[in-house]
């Protein structure tokens, strides 16, 4: 067979491989404050090289009444932030946005509200993870990559950078949609004064089943068990 005909034949019969995307976790949290349901958080966390320098993409819609926050986080192979975007809406009106990008050890960001726009640049330490106020799903990166050492939690919409200590607790259980699921309770304490910042319950695959923020009374609980989660 002539070489040209062989190349044309291979072009026809060889399939085009799609970009590899792996879903690491997805689902919905019901959100409550001091026991009163206030909304939900729909999220997905994927392994996908859709952004230069990024390995993970986490996306979520956080809904409370007429308020909606749409969050997109691109993270590197160690869970550190590469890019961050947040858009806030009330009803159908955009009322604010936050964008930021990391270049080596420098974070460049912009915050836009209905009243003002501000830009800032600040240095970031190596062991830093995104922890936007009231957003639960991104804590997956903290627990996945930040164990066994002190790490920094960084909120792109505000000036806060908190150094926290992650501690593994005892085996526990979480009831999700009527099923009792095996879990391990983890805690995040302020490394300076010891304040309890978060309690987080993970299944055996490291997926968040429940999270609680004592200072605000916020609690997030999955609506449905993750796939292949052990129950008892």
Foldseek 3Di string as FASTA:
>chain_A
DDPVVVVVVCVVPPDDDDFDKAWLDWAKWFKDFLPHTFWMKGKTKMQGPPDVQFGIWIWIWTDGPQKIKTKIFTAHPLQATAKIKIWIDGNNHTAWMKIWGDDPQKIWIWIDGPVDIDIDIDGHDDQEHEDAPPDPQSCLSCQVRVAPDWGWYDHRNDGDIFTWHKDWADWDWDAAQNFTFIWTWMWIAGPPPGHTAKIFTAFPSSGTQKMAGVVRRMIIGGNHDIPPTDTD
